[in-house]
């Protein structure tokens, strides 16, 4: 199955679309592996929301994942690579990210990631941005797996202010609502005590709210 849709993208008042004029493009939907701008399992999986998301990605415009009182969580774009140093991560913190996430700090890998990851999986590592200043507040998201693996790192200047929990609740809500997740996991190095404590706190919060199952593995 292959179908073309023409999609118009209106300017976004939250600054997620750089151009002021209306944009548009054709979106190829396909149920054949590695083909099309939007990969689906069948006709029932084709929705206006998914087609619009595919159009934004094709135009190089980020998809909004979540919005909180202080933050916007959105897909990363190629232009965001220059913002990564502002996160202020140490060598140990980069190591704790894991090999895949740490590779985002290489320009070639970052460019390939943002052009392919969201298109193929419709989720991945997203950016956290403070609404008021537009400053990068961290990285957050899920890596493919069974179940998907959750990860978070908060920029040094935004720590101990509740930003991580605020963003986490937003992305878990998105994962349930838009991605159909019923569970997720997090693997944390035993020496990374802060991350382990945060994961336990998040698990408690999700459980109390009756949200998806969240498993923690301390390595």
N, C-alpha and C. Protein backbone atom coordinates (compact mmCIF):
# COMPACT_ATOMS: atom_id res chain seq x y z
N UNK A 1 0.83 -1.20 0.00
CA UNK A 1 0.00 0.00 0.00
C UNK A 1 0.88 1.25 0.00
N UNK A 2 0.65 2.13 -0.96
CA UNK A 2 1.32 3.42 -0.98
C UNK A 2 0.30 4.50 -1.36
N UNK A 3 0.28 5.57 -0.57
CA UNK A 3 -0.65 6.68 -0.83
C UNK A 3 0.07 8.00 -0.58
N UNK A 4 -0.25 8.98 -1.42
CA UNK A 4 0.29 10.33 -1.24
C UNK A 4 -0.78 11.23 -0.65
N UNK A 5 -0.34 12.08 0.30
CA UNK A 5 -1.21 13.10 0.87
C UNK A 5 -0.48 14.43 0.79
N UNK A 6 -1.20 15.50 0.42
CA UNK A 6 -0.59 16.84 0.47
C UNK A 6 -1.03 17.49 1.78
N UNK A 7 -0.05 17.96 2.54
CA UNK A 7 -0.31 18.50 3.88
C UNK A 7 0.18 19.94 3.96
N UNK A 8 -0.66 20.82 4.49
CA UNK A 8 -0.26 22.20 4.74
C UNK A 8 0.03 22.37 6.23
N UNK A 9 1.11 23.05 6.52
CA UNK A 9 1.51 23.29 7.91
C UNK A 9 1.37 24.77 8.21
N UNK A 10 0.52 25.11 9.16
CA UNK A 10 0.33 26.50 9.55
C UNK A 10 1.44 26.94 10.50
N UNK A 11 1.74 28.25 10.51
CA UNK A 11 2.73 28.75 11.47
C UNK A 11 2.32 28.39 12.89
N UNK A 12 3.30 28.05 13.72
CA UNK A 12 3.03 27.63 15.10
C UNK A 12 3.32 28.80 16.04
N UNK A 13 2.34 29.21 16.85
CA UNK A 13 2.53 30.37 17.73
C UNK A 13 3.59 30.17 18.81
N UNK A 14 4.01 28.90 19.04
CA UNK A 14 5.00 28.65 20.09
C UNK A 14 6.42 28.61 19.52
N UNK A 15 6.58 29.04 18.27
CA UNK A 15 7.92 29.12 17.73
C UNK A 15 8.48 27.82 17.22
N UNK A 16 7.62 26.81 16.99
CA UNK A 16 8.12 25.54 16.50
C UNK A 16 8.30 25.53 14.98
N UNK A 17 7.76 26.54 14.30
CA UNK A 17 7.98 26.70 12.87
C UNK A 17 8.73 27.99 12.64
N UNK A 18 9.92 27.90 12.06
CA UNK A 18 10.71 29.10 11.85
C UNK A 18 10.10 30.04 10.82
N UNK A 19 9.63 29.56 9.65
CA UNK A 19 9.09 30.48 8.64
C UNK A 19 7.75 31.06 9.08
N UNK A 20 7.48 32.27 8.65
CA UNK A 20 6.21 32.91 8.99
C UNK A 20 5.11 32.47 8.03
N UNK A 21 5.47 32.05 6.81
CA UNK A 21 4.46 31.69 5.83
C UNK A 21 4.02 30.24 6.00
N UNK A 22 2.86 29.94 5.45
CA UNK A 22 2.36 28.57 5.49
C UNK A 22 3.23 27.69 4.62
N UNK A 23 3.50 26.47 5.08
CA UNK A 23 4.32 25.53 4.34
C UNK A 23 3.49 24.32 3.97
N UNK A 24 3.96 23.56 3.00
CA UNK A 24 3.26 22.35 2.61
C UNK A 24 4.20 21.38 1.91
N UNK A 25 3.81 20.11 1.92
CA UNK A 25 4.59 19.10 1.22
C UNK A 25 3.74 17.85 1.01
N UNK A 26 4.20 16.98 0.12
CA UNK A 26 3.55 15.70 -0.09
C UNK A 26 4.14 14.67 0.87
N UNK A 27 3.27 13.85 1.41
CA UNK A 27 3.68 12.80 2.34
C UNK A 27 3.33 11.45 1.72
N UNK A 28 4.34 10.61 1.56
CA UNK A 28 4.11 9.25 1.05
C UNK A 28 3.94 8.30 2.24
N UNK A 29 2.78 7.66 2.30
CA UNK A 29 2.48 6.68 3.34
C UNK A 29 2.63 5.28 2.73
N UNK A 30 3.36 4.42 3.42
CA UNK A 30 3.61 3.09 2.88
C UNK A 30 3.62 2.04 3.99
N UNK A 31 3.16 0.84 3.65
CA UNK A 31 3.25 -0.27 4.60
C UNK A 31 4.40 -1.21 4.23
N UNK A 32 5.26 -0.76 3.30
CA UNK A 32 6.45 -1.53 2.95
C UNK A 32 7.63 -1.02 3.77
N UNK A 33 8.41 -1.94 4.36
CA UNK A 33 9.54 -1.52 5.20
C UNK A 33 10.50 -0.60 4.47
N UNK A 34 10.94 0.47 5.19
CA UNK A 34 11.96 1.39 4.70
C UNK A 34 11.49 2.22 3.50
N UNK A 35 10.19 2.32 3.29
CA UNK A 35 9.69 3.16 2.21
C UNK A 35 8.73 4.20 2.78
N UNK A 36 8.66 5.33 2.13
CA UNK A 36 7.70 6.34 2.50
C UNK A 36 8.17 7.27 3.60
N UNK A 37 7.43 8.38 3.74
CA UNK A 37 7.69 9.34 4.81
C UNK A 37 7.02 8.91 6.11
N UNK A 38 6.02 8.05 5.99
CA UNK A 38 5.32 7.52 7.15
C UNK A 38 5.13 6.03 6.95
N UNK A 39 5.69 5.24 7.84
CA UNK A 39 5.56 3.79 7.78
C UNK A 39 4.38 3.36 8.65
N UNK A 40 3.48 2.55 8.10
CA UNK A 40 2.30 2.09 8.83
C UNK A 40 2.15 0.59 8.65
N UNK A 41 1.33 0.01 9.51
CA UNK A 41 1.06 -1.43 9.42
C UNK A 41 -0.14 -1.74 8.54
N UNK A 42 -0.94 -0.72 8.25
CA UNK A 42 -2.12 -0.92 7.41
C UNK A 42 -2.95 0.35 7.38
N UNK A 43 -4.04 0.35 6.61
CA UNK A 43 -4.88 1.55 6.46
C UNK A 43 -5.39 2.12 7.78
N UNK A 44 -5.68 1.26 8.74
CA UNK A 44 -6.22 1.74 10.02
C UNK A 44 -5.21 2.58 10.80
N UNK A 45 -3.93 2.43 10.46
CA UNK A 45 -2.88 3.16 11.18
C UNK A 45 -2.64 4.55 10.59
N UNK A 46 -3.34 4.89 9.52
CA UNK A 46 -3.16 6.19 8.88
C UNK A 46 -4.15 7.17 9.50
N UNK A 47 -3.64 8.15 10.24
CA UNK A 47 -4.49 9.15 10.88
C UNK A 47 -4.00 10.54 10.50
N UNK A 48 -4.87 11.54 10.57
CA UNK A 48 -4.44 12.92 10.26
C UNK A 48 -3.27 13.38 11.11
N UNK A 49 -3.27 12.99 12.40
CA UNK A 49 -2.20 13.41 13.30
C UNK A 49 -0.86 12.84 12.86
N UNK A 50 -0.84 11.58 12.47
CA UNK A 50 0.42 10.96 12.07
C UNK A 50 0.90 11.51 10.73
N UNK A 51 -0.02 11.81 9.83
CA UNK A 51 0.37 12.39 8.54
C UNK A 51 0.94 13.78 8.74
N UNK A 52 0.31 14.58 9.61
CA UNK A 52 0.81 15.92 9.91
C UNK A 52 2.19 15.85 10.54
N UNK A 53 2.38 14.90 11.46
CA UNK A 53 3.69 14.72 12.09
C UNK A 53 4.74 14.38 11.05
N UNK A 54 4.41 13.49 10.11
CA UNK A 54 5.35 13.12 9.05
C UNK A 54 5.70 14.32 8.18
N UNK A 55 4.71 15.19 7.92
CA UNK A 55 4.95 16.39 7.11
C UNK A 55 5.91 17.33 7.82
N UNK A 56 5.71 17.54 9.11
CA UNK A 56 6.60 18.42 9.87
C UNK A 56 8.03 17.91 9.80
N UNK A 57 8.20 16.58 9.98
CA UNK A 57 9.55 16.02 9.93
C UNK A 57 10.17 16.19 8.55
N UNK A 58 9.37 15.99 7.52
CA UNK A 58 9.89 16.12 6.16
C UNK A 58 10.32 17.56 5.87
N UNK A 59 9.63 18.52 6.46
CA UNK A 59 9.96 19.94 6.29
C UNK A 59 11.05 20.41 7.25
N UNK A 60 11.53 19.51 8.09
CA UNK A 60 12.57 19.88 9.04
C UNK A 60 12.06 20.66 10.22
N UNK A 61 10.78 20.51 10.54
CA UNK A 61 10.16 21.23 11.66
C UNK A 61 9.90 20.25 12.79
N UNK A 62 10.23 20.62 14.01
CA UNK A 62 10.07 19.69 15.14
C UNK A 62 8.61 19.49 15.52
N UNK A 63 8.32 18.28 15.97
CA UNK A 63 6.99 17.96 16.47
C UNK A 63 6.96 18.21 17.98
N UNK A 64 5.93 18.90 18.45
CA UNK A 64 5.78 19.15 19.88
C UNK A 64 5.35 17.86 20.57
N UNK A 65 6.10 17.45 21.58
CA UNK A 65 5.81 16.23 22.32
C UNK A 65 5.03 16.52 23.58
N UNK A 66 5.38 17.58 24.28
CA UNK A 66 4.68 17.92 25.51
C UNK A 66 4.92 19.36 25.90
N UNK A 67 3.99 19.91 26.64
CA UNK A 67 4.09 21.29 27.12
C UNK A 67 3.70 21.32 28.59
N UNK A 68 4.53 21.96 29.40
CA UNK A 68 4.27 22.11 30.82
C UNK A 68 4.26 23.60 31.14
N UNK A 69 3.96 23.98 32.37
CA UNK A 69 3.98 25.41 32.69
C UNK A 69 5.32 26.08 32.38
N UNK A 70 6.43 25.34 32.48
CA UNK A 70 7.74 25.96 32.28
C UNK A 70 8.51 25.46 31.08
N UNK A 71 8.07 24.37 30.47
CA UNK A 71 8.89 23.71 29.45
C UNK A 71 8.11 23.38 28.18
N UNK A 72 8.85 23.31 27.07
CA UNK A 72 8.39 22.66 25.86
C UNK A 72 9.30 21.46 25.63
N UNK A 73 8.71 20.31 25.35
CA UNK A 73 9.48 19.13 24.96
C UNK A 73 9.15 18.88 23.50
N UNK A 74 10.17 18.83 22.66
CA UNK A 74 9.95 18.67 21.22
C UNK A 74 11.04 17.82 20.61
N UNK A 75 10.77 17.40 19.37
CA UNK A 75 11.79 16.68 18.62
C UNK A 75 12.98 17.61 18.36
N UNK A 76 14.14 17.01 18.25
CA UNK A 76 15.35 17.76 17.94
C UNK A 76 15.44 18.00 16.44
N UNK A 77 16.11 19.08 16.06
CA UNK A 77 16.38 19.37 14.66
C UNK A 77 17.89 19.48 14.48
N UNK A 78 18.33 19.47 13.22
CA UNK A 78 19.77 19.53 12.94
C UNK A 78 20.39 20.79 13.56
N UNK A 79 19.63 21.88 13.63
CA UNK A 79 20.15 23.14 14.16
C UNK A 79 20.39 23.08 15.67
N UNK A 80 19.82 22.10 16.34
CA UNK A 80 19.97 22.00 17.79
C UNK A 80 21.33 21.47 18.23
N UNK A 81 22.12 20.94 17.30
CA UNK A 81 23.40 20.37 17.68
C UNK A 81 24.28 21.39 18.40
N UNK A 82 24.25 22.63 17.95
CA UNK A 82 25.07 23.67 18.56
C UNK A 82 24.67 24.02 19.98
N UNK A 83 23.50 23.55 20.42
CA UNK A 83 23.03 23.84 21.78
C UNK A 83 23.51 22.82 22.79
N UNK A 84 24.02 21.67 22.34
CA UNK A 84 24.38 20.60 23.27
C UNK A 84 25.44 21.00 24.29
N UNK A 85 26.47 21.78 23.92
CA UNK A 85 27.45 22.18 24.94
C UNK A 85 26.83 22.96 26.11
N UNK A 86 25.70 23.63 25.85
CA UNK A 86 25.06 24.42 26.91
C UNK A 86 24.48 23.53 28.01
N UNK A 87 24.37 22.22 27.76
CA UNK A 87 23.87 21.32 28.79
C UNK A 87 24.87 21.19 29.94
N UNK A 88 26.15 21.42 29.65
CA UNK A 88 27.17 21.41 30.70
C UNK A 88 27.42 20.05 31.31
N UNK A 89 27.34 18.98 30.52
CA UNK A 89 27.51 17.63 31.05
C UNK A 89 28.99 17.30 31.22
N UNK A 90 29.32 16.65 32.33
CA UNK A 90 30.69 16.23 32.60
C UNK A 90 30.98 14.92 31.86
N UNK A 91 32.23 14.49 31.91
CA UNK A 91 32.62 13.24 31.27
C UNK A 91 31.87 12.06 31.85
N UNK A 92 31.74 12.02 33.19
CA UNK A 92 31.00 10.93 33.83
C UNK A 92 29.53 10.94 33.43
N UNK A 93 28.96 12.13 33.32
CA UNK A 93 27.55 12.23 32.95
C UNK A 93 27.33 11.77 31.52
N UNK A 94 28.26 12.06 30.64
CA UNK A 94 28.16 11.56 29.27
C UNK A 94 28.24 10.03 29.26
N UNK A 95 29.09 9.47 30.10
CA UNK A 95 29.21 8.01 30.19
C UNK A 95 27.92 7.39 30.71
N UNK A 96 27.30 8.03 31.69
CA UNK A 96 26.05 7.51 32.24
C UNK A 96 24.91 7.54 31.23
N UNK A 97 25.01 8.41 30.21
CA UNK A 97 23.97 8.47 29.19
C UNK A 97 23.83 7.17 28.43
N UNK A 98 24.92 6.41 28.34
CA UNK A 98 24.93 5.21 27.52
C UNK A 98 25.52 5.51 26.16
N UNK A 99 25.98 4.47 25.50
CA UNK A 99 26.72 4.65 24.25
C UNK A 99 25.90 5.32 23.17
N UNK A 100 24.65 4.89 23.00
CA UNK A 100 23.83 5.45 21.92
C UNK A 100 23.56 6.94 22.13
N UNK A 101 23.11 7.31 23.33
CA UNK A 101 22.80 8.71 23.60
C UNK A 101 24.05 9.57 23.55
N UNK A 102 25.18 9.05 24.03
CA UNK A 102 26.43 9.82 24.03
C UNK A 102 26.88 10.14 22.61
N UNK A 103 26.52 9.28 21.66
CA UNK A 103 26.92 9.54 20.26
C UNK A 103 26.21 10.76 19.68
N UNK A 104 25.14 11.20 20.32
CA UNK A 104 24.46 12.41 19.84
C UNK A 104 25.38 13.62 19.86
N UNK A 105 26.44 13.57 20.65
CA UNK A 105 27.35 14.70 20.75
C UNK A 105 28.37 14.70 19.63
N UNK A 106 28.24 13.77 18.67
CA UNK A 106 29.02 13.80 17.43
C UNK A 106 28.12 14.34 16.33
N UNK A 107 28.57 15.33 15.60
CA UNK A 107 27.72 16.00 14.61
C UNK A 107 27.17 15.04 13.57
N UNK A 108 28.01 14.13 13.05
CA UNK A 108 27.54 13.24 11.99
C UNK A 108 26.42 12.32 12.49
N UNK A 109 26.59 11.80 13.70
CA UNK A 109 25.57 10.92 14.26
C UNK A 109 24.30 11.71 14.58
N UNK A 110 24.45 12.90 15.13
CA UNK A 110 23.30 13.73 15.48
C UNK A 110 22.45 14.02 14.24
N UNK A 111 23.10 14.41 13.14
CA UNK A 111 22.37 14.74 11.91
C UNK A 111 21.61 13.53 11.39
N UNK A 112 22.27 12.37 11.39
CA UNK A 112 21.60 11.15 10.93
C UNK A 112 20.45 10.78 11.85
N UNK A 113 20.64 10.98 13.15
CA UNK A 113 19.62 10.61 14.13
C UNK A 113 18.34 11.41 13.92
N UNK A 114 18.46 12.74 13.83
CA UNK A 114 17.25 13.56 13.74
C UNK A 114 16.56 13.40 12.39
N UNK A 115 17.29 12.98 11.36
CA UNK A 115 16.66 12.81 10.06
C UNK A 115 15.97 11.46 9.91
N UNK A 116 16.37 10.46 10.70
CA UNK A 116 15.83 9.11 10.52
C UNK A 116 15.07 8.57 11.72
N UNK A 117 15.51 8.87 12.93
CA UNK A 117 14.94 8.23 14.13
C UNK A 117 13.44 8.45 14.25
N UNK A 118 12.99 9.70 14.20
CA UNK A 118 11.58 10.00 14.41
C UNK A 118 10.73 9.48 13.25
N UNK A 119 11.28 9.53 12.06
CA UNK A 119 10.53 9.05 10.89
C UNK A 119 10.27 7.55 10.98
N UNK A 120 11.27 6.80 11.42
CA UNK A 120 11.14 5.34 11.46
C UNK A 120 10.41 4.83 12.69
N UNK A 121 10.69 5.46 13.86
CA UNK A 121 10.13 4.95 15.11
C UNK A 121 9.02 5.83 15.70
N UNK A 122 8.96 7.10 15.29
CA UNK A 122 8.01 8.09 15.80
C UNK A 122 8.27 8.46 17.26
N UNK A 123 9.40 8.05 17.79
CA UNK A 123 9.84 8.50 19.10
C UNK A 123 11.35 8.37 19.16
N UNK A 124 11.94 8.88 20.24
CA UNK A 124 13.38 8.83 20.39
C UNK A 124 13.79 9.76 21.52
N UNK A 125 14.96 10.36 21.39
CA UNK A 125 15.44 11.34 22.36
C UNK A 125 14.96 12.72 21.91
N UNK A 126 14.32 13.43 22.82
CA UNK A 126 13.75 14.74 22.52
C UNK A 126 14.48 15.82 23.33
N UNK A 127 14.25 17.06 22.96
CA UNK A 127 14.86 18.18 23.66
C UNK A 127 13.87 18.83 24.63
N UNK A 128 14.38 19.25 25.78
CA UNK A 128 13.61 20.02 26.76
C UNK A 128 14.08 21.47 26.66
N UNK A 129 13.14 22.42 26.52
CA UNK A 129 13.49 23.83 26.37
C UNK A 129 12.64 24.68 27.31
N UNK A 130 13.31 25.59 28.01
CA UNK A 130 12.58 26.49 28.90
C UNK A 130 11.74 27.45 28.06
N UNK A 131 10.47 27.58 28.40
CA UNK A 131 9.59 28.45 27.63
C UNK A 131 10.04 29.91 27.63
N UNK A 132 10.36 30.42 28.80
CA UNK A 132 10.63 31.85 28.93
C UNK A 132 11.86 32.28 28.14
N UNK A 133 12.94 31.50 28.22
CA UNK A 133 14.20 31.90 27.59
C UNK A 133 14.50 31.16 26.30
N UNK A 134 13.85 30.01 26.10
CA UNK A 134 14.18 29.17 24.95
C UNK A 134 15.45 28.37 25.14
N UNK A 135 16.05 28.44 26.32
CA UNK A 135 17.32 27.76 26.59
C UNK A 135 17.11 26.25 26.68
N UNK A 136 18.10 25.46 26.22
CA UNK A 136 17.99 24.01 26.34
C UNK A 136 18.08 23.59 27.80
N UNK A 137 17.09 22.84 28.27
CA UNK A 137 17.04 22.42 29.66
C UNK A 137 17.40 20.95 29.84
N UNK A 138 17.60 20.22 28.74
CA UNK A 138 17.99 18.83 28.87
C UNK A 138 17.55 17.99 27.70
N UNK A 139 17.78 16.69 27.83
CA UNK A 139 17.37 15.69 26.85
C UNK A 139 16.52 14.65 27.56
N UNK A 140 15.50 14.13 26.87
CA UNK A 140 14.59 13.19 27.48
C UNK A 140 13.94 12.35 26.39
N UNK A 141 13.60 11.11 26.69
CA UNK A 141 12.91 10.32 25.69
C UNK A 141 13.06 8.84 25.91
N UNK A 142 12.81 8.07 24.85
CA UNK A 142 12.80 6.62 24.90
C UNK A 142 13.64 6.04 23.78
N UNK A 143 14.37 4.98 24.09
CA UNK A 143 15.09 4.21 23.08
C UNK A 143 14.27 2.97 22.75
N UNK A 144 14.26 2.55 21.49
CA UNK A 144 13.50 1.34 21.13
C UNK A 144 13.96 0.13 21.93
N UNK A 145 13.04 -0.69 22.33
CA UNK A 145 13.35 -1.89 23.09
C UNK A 145 12.06 -2.56 23.51
N UNK A 146 12.17 -3.66 24.20
CA UNK A 146 11.00 -4.39 24.67
C UNK A 146 11.15 -4.65 26.17
N UNK A 147 10.66 -3.72 27.02
CA UNK A 147 9.92 -2.50 26.67
C UNK A 147 10.87 -1.36 26.30
N UNK A 148 10.33 -0.25 25.76
CA UNK A 148 11.17 0.92 25.47
C UNK A 148 11.89 1.41 26.71
N UNK A 149 13.11 1.93 26.51
CA UNK A 149 13.92 2.37 27.64
C UNK A 149 13.88 3.89 27.78
N UNK A 150 13.52 4.35 28.96
CA UNK A 150 13.42 5.78 29.25
C UNK A 150 14.76 6.34 29.71
N UNK A 151 15.06 7.55 29.28
CA UNK A 151 16.28 8.22 29.72
C UNK A 151 16.06 9.72 29.86
N UNK A 152 16.85 10.34 30.73
CA UNK A 152 16.72 11.78 30.99
C UNK A 152 18.06 12.33 31.44
N UNK A 153 18.42 13.48 30.94
CA UNK A 153 19.52 14.25 31.53
C UNK A 153 19.11 15.71 31.53
N UNK A 154 19.31 16.36 32.66
CA UNK A 154 18.94 17.77 32.82
C UNK A 154 20.18 18.64 32.74
N UNK A 155 20.06 19.75 32.05
CA UNK A 155 21.19 20.68 31.94
C UNK A 155 21.63 21.12 33.33
N UNK A 156 22.90 21.34 33.48
CA UNK A 156 23.47 21.67 34.80
C UNK A 156 22.79 22.86 35.45
N UNK A 157 22.45 23.87 34.65
CA UNK A 157 21.87 25.09 35.21
C UNK A 157 20.38 24.96 35.54
N UNK A 158 19.78 23.80 35.21
CA UNK A 158 18.34 23.62 35.47
C UNK A 158 18.06 22.53 36.50
N UNK A 159 19.07 22.07 37.18
CA UNK A 159 18.88 20.97 38.13
C UNK A 159 18.32 21.46 39.47
N UNK A 160 17.76 20.53 40.21
CA UNK A 160 17.20 20.77 41.54
C UNK A 160 16.07 21.81 41.53
N UNK A 161 15.34 21.84 40.41
CA UNK A 161 14.22 22.77 40.32
C UNK A 161 12.94 22.08 39.86
N UNK A 162 12.96 20.75 39.77
CA UNK A 162 11.75 20.02 39.40
C UNK A 162 11.50 19.91 37.91
N UNK A 163 12.45 20.38 37.09
CA UNK A 163 12.25 20.33 35.64
C UNK A 163 12.20 18.89 35.13
N UNK A 164 13.07 18.04 35.69
CA UNK A 164 13.12 16.66 35.21
C UNK A 164 11.81 15.93 35.42
N UNK A 165 11.22 16.06 36.60
CA UNK A 165 9.95 15.39 36.88
C UNK A 165 8.83 15.99 36.04
N UNK A 166 8.86 17.29 35.86
CA UNK A 166 7.85 17.98 35.07
C UNK A 166 7.86 17.45 33.63
N UNK A 167 9.05 17.35 33.05
CA UNK A 167 9.16 16.86 31.68
C UNK A 167 8.84 15.38 31.58
N UNK A 168 9.25 14.61 32.59
CA UNK A 168 9.01 13.17 32.56
C UNK A 168 7.53 12.84 32.54
N UNK A 169 6.78 13.52 33.36
CA UNK A 169 5.34 13.26 33.39
C UNK A 169 4.70 13.60 32.05
N UNK A 170 5.20 14.65 31.39
CA UNK A 170 4.66 15.04 30.09
C UNK A 170 4.96 14.00 29.02
N UNK A 171 6.19 13.46 29.01
CA UNK A 171 6.53 12.51 27.95
C UNK A 171 5.89 11.14 28.20
N UNK A 172 5.69 10.76 29.47
CA UNK A 172 5.00 9.51 29.72
C UNK A 172 3.54 9.61 29.31
N UNK A 173 2.94 10.77 29.52
CA UNK A 173 1.57 10.99 29.07
C UNK A 173 1.49 10.86 27.54
N UNK A 174 2.46 11.47 26.85
CA UNK A 174 2.51 11.39 25.39
C UNK A 174 2.70 9.94 24.94
N UNK A 175 3.60 9.20 25.61
CA UNK A 175 3.89 7.82 25.23
C UNK A 175 2.65 6.93 25.34
N UNK A 176 1.87 7.15 26.38
CA UNK A 176 0.64 6.38 26.54
C UNK A 176 -0.41 6.78 25.50
N UNK A 177 -0.59 8.07 25.34
CA UNK A 177 -1.68 8.59 24.51
C UNK A 177 -1.40 8.41 23.02
N UNK A 178 -0.20 8.76 22.58
CA UNK A 178 0.11 8.80 21.15
C UNK A 178 0.87 7.58 20.64
N UNK A 179 1.64 6.94 21.52
CA UNK A 179 2.48 5.83 21.07
C UNK A 179 1.96 4.47 21.51
N UNK A 180 0.99 4.47 22.42
CA UNK A 180 0.41 3.22 22.86
C UNK A 180 1.27 2.41 23.80
N UNK A 181 2.23 3.06 24.48
CA UNK A 181 3.08 2.35 25.43
C UNK A 181 2.25 1.88 26.62
N UNK A 182 2.51 0.66 27.06
CA UNK A 182 1.89 0.15 28.28
C UNK A 182 2.92 -0.06 29.38
N UNK A 183 4.20 -0.07 29.01
CA UNK A 183 5.28 -0.17 30.00
C UNK A 183 6.55 0.43 29.42
N UNK A 184 7.48 0.72 30.32
CA UNK A 184 8.79 1.25 29.94
C UNK A 184 9.77 0.84 31.02
N UNK A 185 11.06 0.98 30.73
CA UNK A 185 12.06 0.62 31.72
C UNK A 185 13.16 1.67 31.76
N UNK A 186 13.97 1.60 32.78
CA UNK A 186 15.12 2.49 32.89
C UNK A 186 16.27 1.70 33.51
N UNK A 187 17.45 1.79 32.89
CA UNK A 187 18.64 1.14 33.43
C UNK A 187 19.56 2.21 33.97
N UNK A 188 19.95 2.09 35.24
CA UNK A 188 20.73 3.11 35.91
C UNK A 188 21.98 2.49 36.52
N UNK A 189 23.14 3.11 36.29
CA UNK A 189 24.38 2.63 36.90
C UNK A 189 24.31 2.83 38.41
N UNK A 190 24.78 1.87 39.17
CA UNK A 190 24.67 1.92 40.63
C UNK A 190 25.38 3.14 41.22
N UNK A 191 26.48 3.58 40.58
CA UNK A 191 27.21 4.73 41.11
C UNK A 191 26.52 6.05 40.79
N UNK A 192 25.55 6.01 39.89
CA UNK A 192 24.81 7.23 39.55
C UNK A 192 23.62 7.35 40.51
N UNK A 193 23.92 7.71 41.74
CA UNK A 193 22.93 7.68 42.81
C UNK A 193 21.78 8.66 42.58
N UNK A 194 22.10 9.82 42.03
CA UNK A 194 21.05 10.80 41.79
C UNK A 194 20.02 10.28 40.80
N UNK A 195 20.50 9.65 39.72
CA UNK A 195 19.58 9.11 38.72
C UNK A 195 18.75 7.96 39.28
N UNK A 196 19.38 7.13 40.12
CA UNK A 196 18.64 6.02 40.72
C UNK A 196 17.52 6.53 41.63
N UNK A 197 17.83 7.56 42.42
CA UNK A 197 16.81 8.13 43.31
C UNK A 197 15.68 8.76 42.50
N UNK A 198 16.04 9.43 41.40
CA UNK A 198 15.01 10.05 40.57
C UNK A 198 14.12 8.98 39.93
N UNK A 199 14.72 7.88 39.45
CA UNK A 199 13.95 6.82 38.81
C UNK A 199 12.94 6.23 39.80
N UNK A 200 13.37 6.03 41.04
CA UNK A 200 12.46 5.48 42.05
C UNK A 200 11.31 6.45 42.34
N UNK A 201 11.63 7.73 42.41
CA UNK A 201 10.60 8.74 42.65
C UNK A 201 9.61 8.78 41.49
N UNK A 202 10.13 8.67 40.26
CA UNK A 202 9.25 8.68 39.09
C UNK A 202 8.36 7.44 39.09
N UNK A 203 8.92 6.29 39.41
CA UNK A 203 8.14 5.06 39.46
C UNK A 203 6.99 5.19 40.46
N UNK A 204 7.28 5.76 41.63
CA UNK A 204 6.24 5.95 42.64
C UNK A 204 5.14 6.86 42.11
N UNK A 205 5.54 7.95 41.44
CA UNK A 205 4.57 8.90 40.90
C UNK A 205 3.69 8.24 39.85
N UNK A 206 4.29 7.49 38.95
CA UNK A 206 3.52 6.83 37.88
C UNK A 206 2.57 5.78 38.45
N UNK A 207 3.04 5.05 39.46
CA UNK A 207 2.20 4.01 40.08
C UNK A 207 1.01 4.64 40.78
N UNK A 208 1.24 5.73 41.51
CA UNK A 208 0.15 6.39 42.23
C UNK A 208 -0.90 6.95 41.28
N UNK A 209 -0.47 7.33 40.09
CA UNK A 209 -1.41 7.90 39.11
C UNK A 209 -2.06 6.83 38.24
N UNK A 210 -1.70 5.54 38.48
CA UNK A 210 -2.29 4.47 37.68
C UNK A 210 -1.80 4.48 36.24
N UNK A 211 -0.57 4.95 36.04
CA UNK A 211 -0.03 5.06 34.69
C UNK A 211 0.62 3.75 34.25
N UNK A 212 1.33 3.77 33.14
CA UNK A 212 1.93 2.55 32.60
C UNK A 212 2.98 1.98 33.56
N UNK A 213 3.30 0.71 33.40
CA UNK A 213 4.26 0.05 34.26
C UNK A 213 5.67 0.56 33.96
N UNK A 214 6.43 0.85 35.01
CA UNK A 214 7.78 1.37 34.87
C UNK A 214 8.72 0.50 35.66
N UNK A 215 9.66 -0.13 34.98
CA UNK A 215 10.62 -1.04 35.61
C UNK A 215 11.99 -0.37 35.72
N UNK A 216 12.67 -0.60 36.81
CA UNK A 216 13.99 -0.02 37.04
C UNK A 216 15.01 -1.15 37.23
N UNK A 217 16.13 -1.04 36.53
CA UNK A 217 17.24 -1.98 36.71
C UNK A 217 18.46 -1.20 37.15
N UNK A 218 18.98 -1.50 38.32
CA UNK A 218 20.20 -0.87 38.83
C UNK A 218 21.37 -1.76 38.44
N UNK A 219 22.30 -1.24 37.64
CA UNK A 219 23.40 -2.04 37.10
C UNK A 219 24.66 -1.84 37.91
